[in-house]
């Protein structure tokens, strides 16, 4: 009798878990704009390094990702190098969150400027 009770309990628990997953809404992530950049200068003179990152989104947005990367490298040279990253990103559309909770699009950008001063006997 205990064996039948245990089997019935197990089947009931599995049925509840199955029905719960069928009738439960899935999780929905917000949209994400991201940019990661590196500016590397290996020279006697430091480079003029800069970036201009613009990101925008329109309307409710769920589940979209817009990602970019950029790398700029200068080695040597006689004058001062100039490194500039200009990024303009727009994300729109998406289906909106069916749960009714629509948060803002996440915008994240990182540009890392690196200057490495070379010794006088560096022949580049």
PDB file of N, CA and C in Angstrom:
ATOM      1  N   UNK A   1       0.820  -1.190   0.000  1.00  0.00           N
ATOM      2  CA  UNK A   1       0.000   0.000   0.000  1.00  0.00           C
ATOM      3  C   UNK A   1       0.863   1.254   0.000  1.00  0.00           C
ATOM      4  N   UNK A   2       1.968   1.197   0.759  1.00  0.00           N
ATOM      5  CA  UNK A   2       2.856   2.359   0.788  1.00  0.00           C
ATOM      6  C   UNK A   2       3.473   2.592  -0.583  1.00  0.00           C
ATOM      7  N   UNK A   3       3.745   1.517  -1.308  1.00  0.00           N
ATOM      8  CA  UNK A   3       4.336   1.640  -2.635  1.00  0.00           C
ATOM      9  C   UNK A   3       3.379   2.362  -3.586  1.00  0.00           C
ATOM     10  N   UNK A   4       2.107   2.032  -3.570  1.00  0.00           N
ATOM     11  CA  UNK A   4       1.111   2.681  -4.426  1.00  0.00           C
ATOM     12  C   UNK A   4       0.941   4.146  -4.059  1.00  0.00           C
ATOM     13  N   UNK A   5       0.977   4.453  -2.774  1.00  0.00           N
ATOM     14  CA  UNK A   5       0.847   5.836  -2.320  1.00  0.00           C
ATOM     15  C   UNK A   5       2.041   6.661  -2.792  1.00  0.00           C
ATOM     16  N   UNK A   6       3.239   6.066  -2.718  1.00  0.00           N
ATOM     17  CA  UNK A   6       4.451   6.750  -3.173  1.00  0.00           C
ATOM     18  C   UNK A   6       4.398   6.995  -4.681  1.00  0.00           C
ATOM     19  N   UNK A   7       3.952   6.014  -5.444  1.00  0.00           N
ATOM     20  CA  UNK A   7       3.839   6.170  -6.895  1.00  0.00           C
ATOM     21  C   UNK A   7       2.822   7.240  -7.255  1.00  0.00           C
ATOM     22  N   UNK A   8       1.690   7.233  -6.587  1.00  0.00           N
ATOM     23  CA  UNK A   8       0.652   8.228  -6.848  1.00  0.00           C
ATOM     24  C   UNK A   8       1.146   9.626  -6.502  1.00  0.00           C
ATOM     25  N   UNK A   9       1.875   9.753  -5.408  1.00  0.00           N
ATOM     26  CA  UNK A   9       2.423  11.059  -5.010  1.00  0.00           C
ATOM     27  C   UNK A   9       3.434  11.553  -6.031  1.00  0.00           C
ATOM     28  N   UNK A  10       4.287  10.672  -6.510  1.00  0.00           N
ATOM     29  CA  UNK A  10       5.306  11.055  -7.493  1.00  0.00           C
ATOM     30  C   UNK A  10       4.661  11.495  -8.802  1.00  0.00           C
ATOM     31  N   UNK A  11       3.669  10.752  -9.245  1.00  0.00           N
ATOM     32  CA  UNK A  11       2.982  11.104 -10.488  1.00  0.00           C
ATOM     33  C   UNK A  11       2.259  12.433 -10.334  1.00  0.00           C
ATOM     34  N   UNK A  12       1.642  12.654  -9.199  1.00  0.00           N
ATOM     35  CA  UNK A  12       0.948  13.926  -8.953  1.00  0.00           C
ATOM     36  C   UNK A  12       1.927  15.092  -8.964  1.00  0.00           C
ATOM     37  N   UNK A  13       3.082  14.914  -8.323  1.00  0.00           N
ATOM     38  CA  UNK A  13       4.087  15.982  -8.281  1.00  0.00           C
ATOM     39  C   UNK A  13       4.603  16.289  -9.687  1.00  0.00           C
ATOM     40  N   UNK A  14       4.875  15.273 -10.480  1.00  0.00           N
ATOM     41  CA  UNK A  14       5.346  15.484 -11.852  1.00  0.00           C
ATOM     42  C   UNK A  14       4.281  16.172 -12.702  1.00  0.00           C
ATOM     43  N   UNK A  15       3.028  15.808 -12.506  1.00  0.00           N
ATOM     44  CA  UNK A  15       1.941  16.435 -13.248  1.00  0.00           C
ATOM     45  C   UNK A  15       1.828  17.918 -12.903  1.00  0.00           C
ATOM     46  N   UNK A  16       1.951  18.252 -11.634  1.00  0.00           N
ATOM     47  CA  UNK A  16       1.896  19.657 -11.207  1.00  0.00           C
ATOM     48  C   UNK A  16       3.054  20.437 -11.814  1.00  0.00           C
ATOM     49  N   UNK A  17       4.266  19.872 -11.779  1.00  0.00           N
ATOM     50  CA  UNK A  17       5.428  20.555 -12.361  1.00  0.00           C
ATOM     51  C   UNK A  17       5.259  20.761 -13.863  1.00  0.00           C
ATOM     52  N   UNK A  18       4.749  19.763 -14.554  1.00  0.00           N
ATOM     53  CA  UNK A  18       4.552  19.871 -15.999  1.00  0.00           C
ATOM     54  C   UNK A  18       3.519  20.937 -16.335  1.00  0.00           C
ATOM     55  N   UNK A  19       2.396  20.931 -15.646  1.00  0.00           N
ATOM     56  CA  UNK A  19       1.358  21.923 -15.914  1.00  0.00           C
ATOM     57  C   UNK A  19       1.818  23.328 -15.547  1.00  0.00           C
ATOM     58  N   UNK A  20       2.621  23.445 -14.502  1.00  0.00           N
ATOM     59  CA  UNK A  20       3.132  24.758 -14.100  1.00  0.00           C
ATOM     60  C   UNK A  20       4.017  25.344 -15.195  1.00  0.00           C
ATOM     61  N   UNK A  21       4.888  24.533 -15.777  1.00  0.00           N
ATOM     62  CA  UNK A  21       5.775  25.048 -16.827  1.00  0.00           C
ATOM     63  C   UNK A  21       5.015  25.346 -18.114  1.00  0.00           C
ATOM     64  N   UNK A  22       3.945  24.629 -18.386  1.00  0.00           N
ATOM     65  CA  UNK A  22       3.161  24.875 -19.598  1.00  0.00           C
ATOM     66  C   UNK A  22       2.399  26.189 -19.503  1.00  0.00           C
ATOM     67  N   UNK A  23       1.855  26.495 -18.343  1.00  0.00           N
ATOM     68  CA  UNK A  23       1.002  27.673 -18.197  1.00  0.00           C
ATOM     69  C   UNK A  23       1.716  28.897 -17.629  1.00  0.00           C
ATOM     70  N   UNK A  24       3.012  28.806 -17.416  1.00  0.00           N
ATOM     71  CA  UNK A  24       3.774  29.933 -16.880  1.00  0.00           C
ATOM     72  C   UNK A  24       4.421  30.697 -18.030  1.00  0.00           C
ATOM     73  N   UNK A  25       4.362  32.029 -17.975  1.00  0.00           N
ATOM     74  CA  UNK A  25       5.000  32.873 -18.995  1.00  0.00           C
ATOM     75  C   UNK A  25       6.520  32.721 -18.918  1.00  0.00           C
ATOM     76  N   UNK A  26       7.163  32.765 -20.063  1.00  0.00           N
ATOM     77  CA  UNK A  26       8.623  32.738 -20.106  1.00  0.00           C
ATOM     78  C   UNK A  26       9.179  34.080 -19.661  1.00  0.00           C
ATOM     79  N   UNK A  27      10.433  34.067 -19.260  1.00  0.00           N
ATOM     80  CA  UNK A  27      11.106  35.321 -18.902  1.00  0.00           C
ATOM     81  C   UNK A  27      11.485  36.055 -20.183  1.00  0.00           C
ATOM     82  N   UNK A  28      11.457  37.385 -20.141  1.00  0.00           N
ATOM     83  CA  UNK A  28      11.803  38.204 -21.294  1.00  0.00           C
ATOM     84  C   UNK A  28      12.858  39.216 -20.887  1.00  0.00           C
ATOM     85  N   UNK A  29      13.934  39.277 -21.639  1.00  0.00           N
ATOM     86  CA  UNK A  29      15.013  40.224 -21.341  1.00  0.00           C
ATOM     87  C   UNK A  29      14.795  41.526 -22.102  1.00  0.00           C
ATOM     88  N   UNK A  30      15.300  42.597 -21.528  1.00  0.00           N
ATOM     89  CA  UNK A  30      15.249  43.896 -22.203  1.00  0.00           C
ATOM     90  C   UNK A  30      16.215  43.893 -23.377  1.00  0.00           C
ATOM     91  N   UNK A  31      16.130  44.908 -24.219  1.00  0.00           N
ATOM     92  CA  UNK A  31      17.064  45.058 -25.335  1.00  0.00           C
ATOM     93  C   UNK A  31      18.368  45.668 -24.836  1.00  0.00           C
ATOM     94  N   UNK A  32      19.457  45.370 -25.543  1.00  0.00           N
ATOM     95  CA  UNK A  32      20.782  45.834 -25.135  1.00  0.00           C
ATOM     96  C   UNK A  32      21.521  46.411 -26.336  1.00  0.00           C
ATOM     97  N   UNK A  33      22.063  47.629 -26.184  1.00  0.00           N
ATOM     98  CA  UNK A  33      23.016  48.248 -27.109  1.00  0.00           C
ATOM     99  C   UNK A  33      24.373  48.189 -26.428  1.00  0.00           C
ATOM    100  N   UNK A  34      25.410  47.692 -27.101  1.00  0.00           N
ATOM    101  CA  UNK A  34      26.729  47.690 -26.466  1.00  0.00           C
ATOM    102  C   UNK A  34      27.833  47.943 -27.496  1.00  0.00           C
ATOM    103  N   UNK A  35      28.888  48.607 -27.032  1.00  0.00           N
ATOM    104  CA  UNK A  35      30.078  48.843 -27.854  1.00  0.00           C
ATOM    105  C   UNK A  35      31.305  48.720 -26.961  1.00  0.00           C
ATOM    106  N   UNK A  36      32.314  47.986 -27.441  1.00  0.00           N
ATOM    107  CA  UNK A  36      33.591  47.859 -26.742  1.00  0.00           C
ATOM    108  C   UNK A  36      34.689  48.214 -27.730  1.00  0.00           C
ATOM    109  N   UNK A  37      35.532  49.175 -27.360  1.00  0.00           N
ATOM    110  CA  UNK A  37      36.607  49.612 -28.239  1.00  0.00           C
ATOM    111  C   UNK A  37      37.941  49.678 -27.521  1.00  0.00           C
ATOM    112  N   UNK A  38      39.017  49.494 -28.291  1.00  0.00           N
ATOM    113  CA  UNK A  38      40.381  49.617 -27.774  1.00  0.00           C
ATOM    114  C   UNK A  38      41.153  50.516 -28.724  1.00  0.00           C
ATOM    115  N   UNK A  39      41.880  51.481 -28.164  1.00  0.00           N
ATOM    116  CA  UNK A  39      42.776  52.345 -28.932  1.00  0.00           C
ATOM    117  C   UNK A  39      44.176  52.155 -28.354  1.00  0.00           C
ATOM    118  N   UNK A  40      45.086  51.570 -29.145  1.00  0.00           N
ATOM    119  CA  UNK A  40      46.440  51.274 -28.683  1.00  0.00           C
ATOM    120  C   UNK A  40      47.439  52.084 -29.493  1.00  0.00           C
ATOM    121  N   UNK A  41      48.267  52.837 -28.801  1.00  0.00           N
ATOM    122  CA  UNK A  41      49.325  53.621 -29.430  1.00  0.00           C
ATOM    123  C   UNK A  41      50.647  53.233 -28.784  1.00  0.00           C
ATOM    124  N   UNK A  42      51.603  52.777 -29.612  1.00  0.00           N
ATOM    125  CA  UNK A  42      52.954  52.457 -29.144  1.00  0.00           C
ATOM    126  C   UNK A  42      53.883  53.386 -29.902  1.00  0.00           C
ATOM    127  N   UNK A  43      54.332  54.449 -29.239  1.00  0.00           N
ATOM    128  CA  UNK A  43      55.076  55.500 -29.926  1.00  0.00           C
ATOM    129  C   UNK A  43      55.803  56.371 -28.908  1.00  0.00           C
ATOM    130  N   UNK A  44      56.708  57.231 -29.420  1.00  0.00           N
ATOM    131  CA  UNK A  44      57.381  58.187 -28.529  1.00  0.00           C
ATOM    132  C   UNK A  44      56.418  59.252 -28.022  1.00  0.00           C
ATOM    133  N   UNK A  45      55.452  59.615 -28.867  1.00  0.00           N
ATOM    134  CA  UNK A  45      54.483  60.646 -28.493  1.00  0.00           C
ATOM    135  C   UNK A  45      53.135  60.015 -28.167  1.00  0.00           C
ATOM    136  N   UNK A  46      52.444  60.530 -27.169  1.00  0.00           N
ATOM    137  CA  UNK A  46      51.099  60.011 -26.900  1.00  0.00           C
ATOM    138  C   UNK A  46      50.141  60.396 -28.030  1.00  0.00           C
ATOM    139  N   UNK A  47      49.207  59.539 -28.309  1.00  0.00           N
ATOM    140  CA  UNK A  47      48.225  59.801 -29.368  1.00  0.00           C
ATOM    141  C   UNK A  47      47.091  60.667 -28.834  1.00  0.00           C
ATOM    142  N   UNK A  48      46.439  61.363 -29.764  1.00  0.00           N
ATOM    143  CA  UNK A  48      45.174  62.024 -29.430  1.00  0.00           C
ATOM    144  C   UNK A  48      44.105  60.948 -29.604  1.00  0.00           C
ATOM    145  N   UNK A  49      43.521  60.535 -28.512  1.00  0.00           N
ATOM    146  CA  UNK A  49      42.553  59.443 -28.559  1.00  0.00           C
ATOM    147  C   UNK A  49      41.202  59.934 -28.049  1.00  0.00           C
ATOM    148  N   UNK A  50      40.161  59.596 -28.765  1.00  0.00           N
ATOM    149  CA  UNK A  50      38.831  60.021 -28.341  1.00  0.00           C
ATOM    150  C   UNK A  50      37.754  59.127 -28.923  1.00  0.00           C
ATOM    151  N   UNK A  51      36.563  59.306 -28.413  1.00  0.00           N
ATOM    152  CA  UNK A  51      35.432  58.533 -28.921  1.00  0.00           C
ATOM    153  C   UNK A  51      34.151  59.336 -28.771  1.00  0.00           C
ATOM    154  N   UNK A  52      33.227  59.071 -29.659  1.00  0.00           N
ATOM    155  CA  UNK A  52      31.904  59.676 -29.616  1.00  0.00           C
ATOM    156  C   UNK A  52      30.907  58.544 -29.852  1.00  0.00           C
ATOM    157  N   UNK A  53      30.244  58.126 -28.787  1.00  0.00           N
ATOM    158  CA  UNK A  53      29.325  56.994 -28.864  1.00  0.00           C
ATOM    159  C   UNK A  53      27.902  57.506 -28.652  1.00  0.00           C
ATOM    160  N   UNK A  54      27.039  57.264 -29.624  1.00  0.00           N
ATOM    161  CA  UNK A  54      25.628  57.644 -29.505  1.00  0.00           C
ATOM    162  C   UNK A  54      24.776  56.392 -29.648  1.00  0.00           C
ATOM    163  N   UNK A  55      23.879  56.202 -28.684  1.00  0.00           N
ATOM    164  CA  UNK A  55      22.988  55.044 -28.711  1.00  0.00           C
ATOM    165  C   UNK A  55      21.574  55.513 -28.419  1.00  0.00           C
ATOM    166  N   UNK A  56      20.622  54.983 -29.175  1.00  0.00           N
ATOM    167  CA  UNK A  56      19.230  55.342 -28.914  1.00  0.00           C
ATOM    168  C   UNK A  56      18.334  54.143 -29.189  1.00  0.00           C
ATOM    169  N   UNK A  57      17.147  54.202 -28.612  1.00  0.00           N
ATOM    170  CA  UNK A  57      16.151  53.167 -28.859  1.00  0.00           C
ATOM    171  C   UNK A  57      14.782  53.821 -28.921  1.00  0.00           C
ATOM    172  N   UNK A  58      13.880  53.175 -29.651  1.00  0.00           N
ATOM    173  CA  UNK A  58      12.530  53.717 -29.774  1.00  0.00           C
ATOM    174  C   UNK A  58      11.520  52.645 -29.401  1.00  0.00           C
ATOM    175  N   UNK A  59      10.514  53.048 -28.687  1.00  0.00           N
ATOM    176  CA  UNK A  59       9.412  52.164 -28.337  1.00  0.00           C
ATOM    177  C   UNK A  59       9.801  51.042 -27.401  1.00  0.00           C
ATOM    178  N   UNK A  60       8.828  50.221 -27.031  1.00  0.00           N
ATOM    179  CA  UNK A  60       9.132  49.085 -26.171  1.00  0.00           C
ATOM    180  C   UNK A  60       9.974  48.075 -26.945  1.00  0.00           C
ATOM    181  N   UNK A  61      10.919  47.492 -26.276  1.00  0.00           N
ATOM    182  CA  UNK A  61      11.839  46.579 -26.951  1.00  0.00           C
ATOM    183  C   UNK A  61      12.189  45.439 -26.006  1.00  0.00           C
ATOM    184  N   UNK A  62      12.079  44.228 -26.490  1.00  0.00           N
ATOM    185  CA  UNK A  62      12.394  43.056 -25.686  1.00  0.00           C
ATOM    186  C   UNK A  62      13.151  42.049 -26.539  1.00  0.00           C
ATOM    187  N   UNK A  63      14.259  41.563 -26.021  1.00  0.00           N
ATOM    188  CA  UNK A  63      14.951  40.444 -26.631  1.00  0.00           C
ATOM    189  C   UNK A  63      15.884  40.738 -27.786  1.00  0.00           C
ATOM    190  N   UNK A  64      16.199  41.998 -28.066  1.00  0.00           N
ATOM    191  CA  UNK A  64      17.120  42.325 -29.158  1.00  0.00           C
ATOM    192  C   UNK A  64      18.471  42.751 -28.599  1.00  0.00           C
ATOM    193  N   UNK A  65      19.541  42.442 -29.330  1.00  0.00           N
ATOM    194  CA  UNK A  65      20.897  42.834 -28.940  1.00  0.00           C
ATOM    195  C   UNK A  65      21.582  43.451 -30.145  1.00  0.00           C
ATOM    196  N   UNK A  66      22.251  44.588 -29.931  1.00  0.00           N
ATOM    197  CA  UNK A  66      23.015  45.278 -30.961  1.00  0.00           C
ATOM    198  C   UNK A  66      24.403  45.503 -30.376  1.00  0.00           C
ATOM    199  N   UNK A  67      25.404  44.778 -30.866  1.00  0.00           N
ATOM    200  CA  UNK A  67      26.729  44.805 -30.253  1.00  0.00           C
ATOM    201  C   UNK A  67      27.803  45.068 -31.303  1.00  0.00           C
ATOM    202  N   UNK A  68      28.823  45.861 -30.929  1.00  0.00           N
ATOM    203  CA  UNK A  68      29.927  46.132 -31.853  1.00  0.00           C
ATOM    204  C   UNK A  68      31.238  46.212 -31.083  1.00  0.00           C
ATOM    205  N   UNK A  69      32.339  45.946 -31.810  1.00  0.00           N
ATOM    206  CA  UNK A  69      33.683  46.087 -31.252  1.00  0.00           C
ATOM    207  C   UNK A  69      34.554  46.804 -32.272  1.00  0.00           C
ATOM    208  N   UNK A  70      35.577  47.507 -31.782  1.00  0.00           N
ATOM    209  CA  UNK A  70      36.521  48.193 -32.669  1.00  0.00           C
ATOM    210  C   UNK A  70      37.893  48.211 -32.009  1.00  0.00           C
ATOM    211  N   UNK A  71      38.940  48.016 -32.817  1.00  0.00           N
ATOM    212  CA  UNK A  71      40.313  48.064 -32.323  1.00  0.00           C
ATOM    213  C   UNK A  71      41.129  48.951 -33.254  1.00  0.00           C
ATOM    214  N   UNK A  72      41.839  49.924 -32.676  1.00  0.00           N
ATOM    215  CA  UNK A  72      42.729  50.796 -33.443  1.00  0.00           C
ATOM    216  C   UNK A  72      44.135  50.636 -32.871  1.00  0.00           C
ATOM    217  N   UNK A  73      45.122  50.413 -33.767  1.00  0.00           N
ATOM    218  CA  UNK A  73      46.503  50.204 -33.328  1.00  0.00           C
ATOM    219  C   UNK A  73      47.424  51.101 -34.138  1.00  0.00           C
ATOM    220  N   UNK A  74      48.304  51.822 -33.452  1.00  0.00           N
ATOM    221  CA  UNK A  74      49.365  52.603 -34.089  1.00  0.00           C
ATOM    222  C   UNK A  74      50.685  52.195 -33.451  1.00  0.00           C
ATOM    223  N   UNK A  75      51.669  51.864 -34.311  1.00  0.00           N
ATOM    224  CA  UNK A  75      53.003  51.523 -33.808  1.00  0.00           C
ATOM    225  C   UNK A  75      54.007  52.431 -34.495  1.00  0.00           C
ATOM    226  N   UNK A  76      54.723  53.213 -33.697  1.00  0.00           N
ATOM    227  CA  UNK A  76      55.767  54.091 -34.215  1.00  0.00           C
ATOM    228  C   UNK A  76      55.229  55.307 -34.932  1.00  0.00           C
ATOM    229  N   UNK A  77      56.007  55.757 -35.921  1.00  0.00           N
ATOM    230  CA  UNK A  77      55.645  56.965 -36.654  1.00  0.00           C
ATOM    231  C   UNK A  77      56.432  58.161 -36.136  1.00  0.00           C
ATOM    232  N   UNK A  78      56.506  59.211 -36.956  1.00  0.00           N
ATOM    233  CA  UNK A  78      57.297  60.388 -36.577  1.00  0.00           C
ATOM    234  C   UNK A  78      56.467  61.456 -35.890  1.00  0.00           C
ATOM    235  N   UNK A  79      55.186  61.505 -36.182  1.00  0.00           N
ATOM    236  CA  UNK A  79      54.329  62.532 -35.591  1.00  0.00           C
ATOM    237  C   UNK A  79      53.398  61.946 -34.545  1.00  0.00           C
ATOM    238  N   UNK A  80      52.473  62.784 -34.127  1.00  0.00           N
ATOM    239  CA  UNK A  80      51.491  62.354 -33.143  1.00  0.00           C
ATOM    240  C   UNK A  80      50.309  61.692 -33.855  1.00  0.00           C
ATOM    241  N   UNK A  81      49.966  60.494 -33.440  1.00  0.00           N
ATOM    242  CA  UNK A  81      48.838  59.773 -34.038  1.00  0.00           C
ATOM    243  C   UNK A  81      47.519  60.298 -33.469  1.00  0.00           C
ATOM    244  N   UNK A  82      46.472  60.155 -34.264  1.00  0.00           N
ATOM    245  CA  UNK A  82      45.130  60.507 -33.796  1.00  0.00           C
ATOM    246  C   UNK A  82      44.223  59.301 -34.004  1.00  0.00           C
ATOM    247  N   UNK A  83      43.585  58.879 -32.940  1.00  0.00           N
ATOM    248  CA  UNK A  83      42.677  57.741 -32.995  1.00  0.00           C
ATOM    249  C   UNK A  83      41.303  58.196 -32.500  1.00  0.00           C
ATOM    250  N   UNK A  84      40.287  57.997 -33.332  1.00  0.00           N
ATOM    251  CA  UNK A  84      38.937  58.450 -32.997  1.00  0.00           C
ATOM    252  C   UNK A  84      37.949  57.344 -33.345  1.00  0.00           C
ATOM    253  N   UNK A  85      37.095  56.993 -32.405  1.00  0.00           N
ATOM    254  CA  UNK A  85      36.026  56.025 -32.661  1.00  0.00           C
ATOM    255  C   UNK A  85      34.689  56.748 -32.602  1.00  0.00           C
ATOM    256  N   UNK A  86      33.946  56.694 -33.691  1.00  0.00           N
ATOM    257  CA  UNK A  86      32.609  57.281 -33.763  1.00  0.00           C
ATOM    258  C   UNK A  86      31.610  56.151 -34.002  1.00  0.00           C
ATOM    259  N   UNK A  87      30.666  56.018 -33.099  1.00  0.00           N
ATOM    260  CA  UNK A  87      29.679  54.945 -33.188  1.00  0.00           C
ATOM    261  C   UNK A  87      28.290  55.552 -33.028  1.00  0.00           C
ATOM    262  N   UNK A  88      27.390  55.209 -33.934  1.00  0.00           N
ATOM    263  CA  UNK A  88      26.007  55.661 -33.850  1.00  0.00           C
ATOM    264  C   UNK A  88      25.121  54.428 -33.989  1.00  0.00           C
ATOM    265  N   UNK A  89      24.417  54.076 -32.918  1.00  0.00           N
ATOM    266  CA  UNK A  89      23.606  52.862 -32.912  1.00  0.00           C
ATOM    267  C   UNK A  89      22.158  53.190 -32.599  1.00  0.00           C
ATOM    268  N   UNK A  90      21.284  52.493 -33.272  1.00  0.00           N
ATOM    269  CA  UNK A  90      19.854  52.665 -32.995  1.00  0.00           C
ATOM    270  C   UNK A  90      19.210  51.283 -32.979  1.00  0.00           C
ATOM    271  N   UNK A  91      18.445  51.045 -31.957  1.00  0.00           N
ATOM    272  CA  UNK A  91      17.718  49.782 -31.865  1.00  0.00           C
ATOM    273  C   UNK A  91      16.236  50.125 -31.756  1.00  0.00           C
ATOM    274  N   UNK A  92      15.429  49.456 -32.560  1.00  0.00           N
ATOM    275  CA  UNK A  92      14.000  49.756 -32.519  1.00  0.00           C
ATOM    276  C   UNK A  92      13.213  48.485 -32.771  1.00  0.00           C
ATOM    277  N   UNK A  93      11.953  48.578 -32.505  1.00  0.00           N
ATOM    278  CA  UNK A  93      11.102  47.429 -32.733  1.00  0.00           C
ATOM    279  C   UNK A  93      11.182  46.450 -31.587  1.00  0.00           C
ATOM    280  N   UNK A  94      11.062  45.212 -31.920  1.00  0.00           N
ATOM    281  CA  UNK A  94      10.926  44.213 -30.875  1.00  0.00           C
ATOM    282  C   UNK A  94       9.448  44.064 -30.583  1.00  0.00           C
ATOM    283  N   UNK A  95       9.131  43.124 -29.799  1.00  0.00           N
ATOM    284  CA  UNK A  95       7.715  42.815 -29.615  1.00  0.00           C
ATOM    285  C   UNK A  95       7.137  43.374 -28.334  1.00  0.00           C
ATOM    286  N   UNK A  96       7.910  44.049 -27.533  1.00  0.00           N
ATOM    287  CA  UNK A  96       7.384  44.497 -26.247  1.00  0.00           C
ATOM    288  C   UNK A  96       7.252  43.306 -25.319  1.00  0.00           C
ATOM    289  N   UNK A  97       7.178  43.562 -24.075  1.00  0.00           N
ATOM    290  CA  UNK A  97       7.136  42.497 -23.092  1.00  0.00           C
ATOM    291  C   UNK A  97       5.688  42.088 -22.837  1.00  0.00           C
ATOM    292  N   UNK A  98       5.321  40.832 -23.116  1.00  0.00           N
ATOM    293  CA  UNK A  98       3.937  40.410 -22.927  1.00  0.00           C
ATOM    294  C   UNK A  98       3.492  40.438 -21.468  1.00  0.00           C
ATOM    295  N   UNK A  99       4.428  40.531 -20.543  1.00  0.00           N
ATOM    296  CA  UNK A  99       4.041  40.627 -19.134  1.00  0.00           C
ATOM    297  C   UNK A  99       3.555  42.025 -18.795  1.00  0.00           C
ATOM    298  N   UNK A 100       3.776  42.980 -19.719  1.00  0.00           N
ATOM    299  CA  UNK A 100       3.353  44.354 -19.471  1.00  0.00           C
ATOM    300  C   UNK A 100       4.396  45.199 -18.774  1.00  0.00           C
ATOM    301  N   UNK A 101       5.508  44.600 -18.370  1.00  0.00           N
ATOM    302  CA  UNK A 101       6.582  45.341 -17.713  1.00  0.00           C
ATOM    303  C   UNK A 101       7.635  45.646 -18.769  1.00  0.00           C
ATOM    304  N   UNK A 102       7.682  46.882 -19.235  1.00  0.00           N
ATOM    305  CA  UNK A 102       8.634  47.278 -20.269  1.00  0.00           C
ATOM    306  C   UNK A 102       9.645  48.251 -19.678  1.00  0.00           C
ATOM    307  N   UNK A 103      10.837  47.772 -19.419  1.00  0.00           N
ATOM    308  CA  UNK A 103      11.902  48.625 -18.897  1.00  0.00           C
ATOM    309  C   UNK A 103      12.657  49.277 -20.032  1.00  0.00           C
ATOM    310  N   UNK A 104      13.590  50.153 -19.705  1.00  0.00           N
ATOM    311  CA  UNK A 104      14.361  50.844 -20.735  1.00  0.00           C
ATOM    312  C   UNK A 104      15.392  49.920 -21.385  1.00  0.00           C
ATOM    313  N   UNK A 105      15.786  50.270 -22.602  1.00  0.00           N
ATOM    314  CA  UNK A 105      16.880  49.566 -23.267  1.00  0.00           C
ATOM    315  C   UNK A 105      18.172  49.851 -22.513  1.00  0.00           C
ATOM    316  N   UNK A 106      19.004  48.839 -22.362  1.00  0.00           N
ATOM    317  CA  UNK A 106      20.274  48.981 -21.654  1.00  0.00           C
ATOM    318  C   UNK A 106      21.335  49.403 -22.661  1.00  0.00           C
ATOM    319  N   UNK A 107      21.967  50.567 -22.433  1.00  0.00           N
ATOM    320  CA  UNK A 107      23.045  51.070 -23.287  1.00  0.00           C
ATOM    321  C   UNK A 107      24.350  50.997 -22.511  1.00  0.00           C
ATOM    322  N   UNK A 108      25.361  50.357 -23.102  1.00  0.00           N
ATOM    323  CA  UNK A 108      26.638  50.198 -22.421  1.00  0.00           C
ATOM    324  C   UNK A 108      27.769  50.366 -23.433  1.00  0.00           C
ATOM    325  N   UNK A 109      28.695  51.287 -23.149  1.00  0.00           N
ATOM    326  CA  UNK A 109      29.848  51.455 -24.038  1.00  0.00           C
ATOM    327  C   UNK A 109      31.114  51.633 -23.215  1.00  0.00           C
ATOM    328  N   UNK A 110      32.188  51.015 -23.697  1.00  0.00           N
ATOM    329  CA  UNK A 110      33.499  51.116 -23.066  1.00  0.00           C
ATOM    330  C   UNK A 110      34.529  51.270 -24.177  1.00  0.00           C
ATOM    331  N   UNK A 111      35.320  52.344 -24.121  1.00  0.00           N
ATOM    332  CA  UNK A 111      36.449  52.527 -25.039  1.00  0.00           C
ATOM    333  C   UNK A 111      37.684  52.731 -24.174  1.00  0.00           C
ATOM    334  N   UNK A 112      38.693  51.894 -24.378  1.00  0.00           N
ATOM    335  CA  UNK A 112      39.893  51.919 -23.547  1.00  0.00           C
ATOM    336  C   UNK A 112      41.049  52.510 -24.346  1.00  0.00           C
ATOM    337  N   UNK A 113      41.524  53.724 -23.986  1.00  0.00           N
ATOM    338  CA  UNK A 113      42.695  54.303 -24.654  1.00  0.00           C
ATOM    339  C   UNK A 113      43.976  53.855 -23.942  1.00  0.00           C
ATOM    340  N   UNK A 114      44.948  53.380 -24.719  1.00  0.00           N
ATOM    341  CA  UNK A 114      46.220  52.912 -24.152  1.00  0.00           C
ATOM    342  C   UNK A 114      47.359  53.588 -24.903  1.00  0.00           C
ATOM    343  N   UNK A 115      48.241  54.267 -24.172  1.00  0.00           N
ATOM    344  CA  UNK A 115      49.456  54.863 -24.736  1.00  0.00           C
ATOM    345  C   UNK A 115      50.663  54.198 -24.097  1.00  0.00           C
ATOM    346  N   UNK A 116      51.545  53.639 -24.927  1.00  0.00           N
ATOM    347  CA  UNK A 116      52.779  53.027 -24.444  1.00  0.00           C
ATOM    348  C   UNK A 116      53.931  53.823 -25.029  1.00  0.00           C
ATOM    349  N   UNK A 117      54.705  54.466 -24.165  1.00  0.00           N
ATOM    350  CA  UNK A 117      55.842  55.272 -24.635  1.00  0.00           C
ATOM    351  C   UNK A 117      57.027  54.356 -24.923  1.00  0.00           C
ATOM    352  N   UNK A 118      57.600  54.532 -26.127  1.00  0.00           N
ATOM    353  CA  UNK A 118      58.732  53.702 -26.527  1.00  0.00           C
ATOM    354  C   UNK A 118      60.043  54.400 -26.175  1.00  0.00           C
ATOM    355  N   UNK A 119      61.126  53.631 -25.999  1.00  0.00           N
ATOM    356  CA  UNK A 119      62.431  54.245 -25.726  1.00  0.00           C
ATOM    357  C   UNK A 119      62.997  54.918 -26.981  1.00  0.00           C
ATOM    358  N   UNK A 120      63.993  55.753 -26.797  1.00  0.00           N
ATOM    359  CA  UNK A 120      64.580  56.506 -27.918  1.00  0.00           C
ATOM    360  C   UNK A 120      65.206  55.600 -28.970  1.00  0.00           C
ATOM    361  N   UNK A 121      65.663  54.423 -28.585  1.00  0.00           N
ATOM    362  CA  UNK A 121      66.300  53.527 -29.556  1.00  0.00           C
ATOM    363  C   UNK A 121      65.291  52.619 -30.273  1.00  0.00           C
ATOM    364  N   UNK A 122      64.009  52.871 -30.124  1.00  0.00           N
ATOM    365  CA  UNK A 122      62.966  52.115 -30.831  1.00  0.00           C
ATOM    366  C   UNK A 122      62.948  52.584 -32.280  1.00  0.00           C
ATOM    367  N   UNK A 123      63.201  51.697 -33.228  1.00  0.00           N
ATOM    368  CA  UNK A 123      63.423  52.083 -34.628  1.00  0.00           C
ATOM    369  C   UNK A 123      62.188  51.945 -35.501  1.00  0.00           C
ATOM    370  N   UNK A 124      61.087  52.462 -35.102  1.00  0.00           N
ATOM    371  CA  UNK A 124      59.910  52.386 -35.982  1.00  0.00           C
ATOM    372  C   UNK A 124      59.358  53.724 -36.229  1.00  0.00           C
TER     373      UNK A 124
END
